[in-house]
Amino acid sequence: MGGFEERHASVLARLGPHKTGKGCLYQKRLGDSDESVLRELVDRTVRVHKGVDRSSRAADA
């Protein structure tokens, strides 16, 4: 899903050292990251995907 870095910029700024790709997050060491921020990012990403899934199903009907 494109726009990952723009969509989650405020959260990624608090995460710690990382790199991003199209829809990927790359980290060398999880210990260098703020665990609560990582959890928030995962939660936000899941909510976005669930929203996309719902709208995709509606379009198919």
C-alpha atoms as a PDB file:
ATOM      1  CA  MET A   1       0.000   0.000   0.000  1.00  0.00           C
ATOM      2  CA  GLY A   2       1.611   3.237  -1.115  1.00  0.00           C
ATOM      3  CA  GLY A   3       1.982   6.348   1.012  1.00  0.00           C
ATOM      4  CA  PHE A   4       3.103   4.476   4.133  1.00  0.00           C
ATOM      5  CA  GLU A   5       5.681   7.050   5.172  1.00  0.00           C
ATOM      6  CA  GLU A   6       3.404  10.039   4.558  1.00  0.00           C
ATOM      7  CA  ARG A   7       0.394   8.430   6.261  1.00  0.00           C
ATOM      8  CA  HIS A   8       2.334   7.575   9.437  1.00  0.00           C
ATOM      9  CA  ALA A   9       4.953  10.360   9.495  1.00  0.00           C
ATOM     10  CA  SER A  10       4.218  11.526  13.052  1.00  0.00           C
ATOM     11  CA  VAL A  11       4.477   7.984  14.446  1.00  0.00           C
ATOM     12  CA  LEU A  12       7.594   7.107  12.447  1.00  0.00           C
ATOM     13  CA  ALA A  13       9.325  10.236  13.764  1.00  0.00           C
ATOM     14  CA  ARG A  14       9.027   8.814  17.300  1.00  0.00           C
ATOM     15  CA  LEU A  15       9.945   5.229  16.396  1.00  0.00           C
ATOM     16  CA  GLY A  16      13.724   5.364  16.353  1.00  0.00           C
ATOM     17  CA  PRO A  17      16.215   4.432  13.626  1.00  0.00           C
ATOM     18  CA  HIS A  18      14.484   2.902  10.607  1.00  0.00           C
ATOM     19  CA  LYS A  19      14.101   2.966   6.832  1.00  0.00           C
ATOM     20  CA  THR A  20      10.913   2.615   4.841  1.00  0.00           C
ATOM     21  CA  GLY A  21      10.058   1.180   1.452  1.00  0.00           C
ATOM     22  CA  LYS A  22       6.762   1.266  -0.443  1.00  0.00           C
ATOM     23  CA  GLY A  23       4.838  -0.409   2.343  1.00  0.00           C
ATOM     24  CA  CYS A  24       7.704  -1.813   4.386  1.00  0.00           C
ATOM     25  CA  LEU A  25       9.448  -0.820   7.571  1.00  0.00           C
ATOM     26  CA  TYR A  26      13.073  -1.865   7.984  1.00  0.00           C
ATOM     27  CA  GLN A  27      14.834  -1.939  11.346  1.00  0.00           C
ATOM     28  CA  LYS A  28      18.243  -3.353  12.196  1.00  0.00           C
ATOM     29  CA  ARG A  29      17.539  -3.874  15.912  1.00  0.00           C
ATOM     30  CA  LEU A  30      14.108  -3.958  17.529  1.00  0.00           C
ATOM     31  CA  GLY A  31      15.759  -2.962  20.792  1.00  0.00           C
ATOM     32  CA  ASP A  32      16.548   0.459  19.323  1.00  0.00           C
ATOM     33  CA  SER A  33      12.835   1.162  18.794  1.00  0.00           C
ATOM     34  CA  ASP A  34      10.190   2.453  21.164  1.00  0.00           C
ATOM     35  CA  GLU A  35       7.943  -0.598  21.628  1.00  0.00           C
ATOM     36  CA  SER A  36       4.801   1.439  22.333  1.00  0.00           C
ATOM     37  CA  VAL A  37       5.318   3.425  19.129  1.00  0.00           C
ATOM     38  CA  LEU A  38       5.816   0.212  17.150  1.00  0.00           C
ATOM     39  CA  ARG A  39       2.565  -1.167  18.590  1.00  0.00           C
ATOM     40  CA  GLU A  40       0.752   2.048  17.644  1.00  0.00           C
ATOM     41  CA  LEU A  41       2.096   1.817  14.102  1.00  0.00           C
ATOM     42  CA  VAL A  42       0.953  -1.793  13.739  1.00  0.00           C
ATOM     43  CA  ASP A  43      -2.487  -0.900  15.111  1.00  0.00           C
ATOM     44  CA  ARG A  44      -2.884   2.038  12.716  1.00  0.00           C
ATOM     45  CA  THR A  45      -1.765  -0.072   9.770  1.00  0.00           C
ATOM     46  CA  VAL A  46      -4.261  -2.825  10.600  1.00  0.00           C
ATOM     47  CA  ARG A  47      -7.083  -0.278  10.841  1.00  0.00           C
ATOM     48  CA  VAL A  48      -6.151   1.188   7.443  1.00  0.00           C
ATOM     49  CA  HIS A  49      -6.119  -2.255   5.830  1.00  0.00           C
ATOM     50  CA  LYS A  50      -9.463  -3.189   7.381  1.00  0.00           C
ATOM     51  CA  GLY A  51     -10.957   0.010   5.983  1.00  0.00           C
ATOM     52  CA  VAL A  52      -9.544  -0.757   2.543  1.00  0.00           C
ATOM     53  CA  ASP A  53     -10.893  -4.312   2.727  1.00  0.00           C
ATOM     54  CA  ARG A  54     -14.401  -3.112   3.600  1.00  0.00           C
ATOM     55  CA  SER A  55     -14.500  -0.592   0.752  1.00  0.00           C
ATOM     56  CA  SER A  56     -13.133  -3.171  -1.678  1.00  0.00           C
ATOM     57  CA  ARG A  57     -15.919  -5.605  -0.796  1.00  0.00           C
ATOM     58  CA  ALA A  58     -18.546  -2.883  -1.234  1.00  0.00           C
ATOM     59  CA  ALA A  59     -17.203  -2.074  -4.688  1.00  0.00           C
ATOM     60  CA  ASP A  60     -17.411  -5.758  -5.687  1.00  0.00           C
ATOM     61  CA  ALA A  61     -21.099  -6.052  -4.682  1.00  0.00           C
END
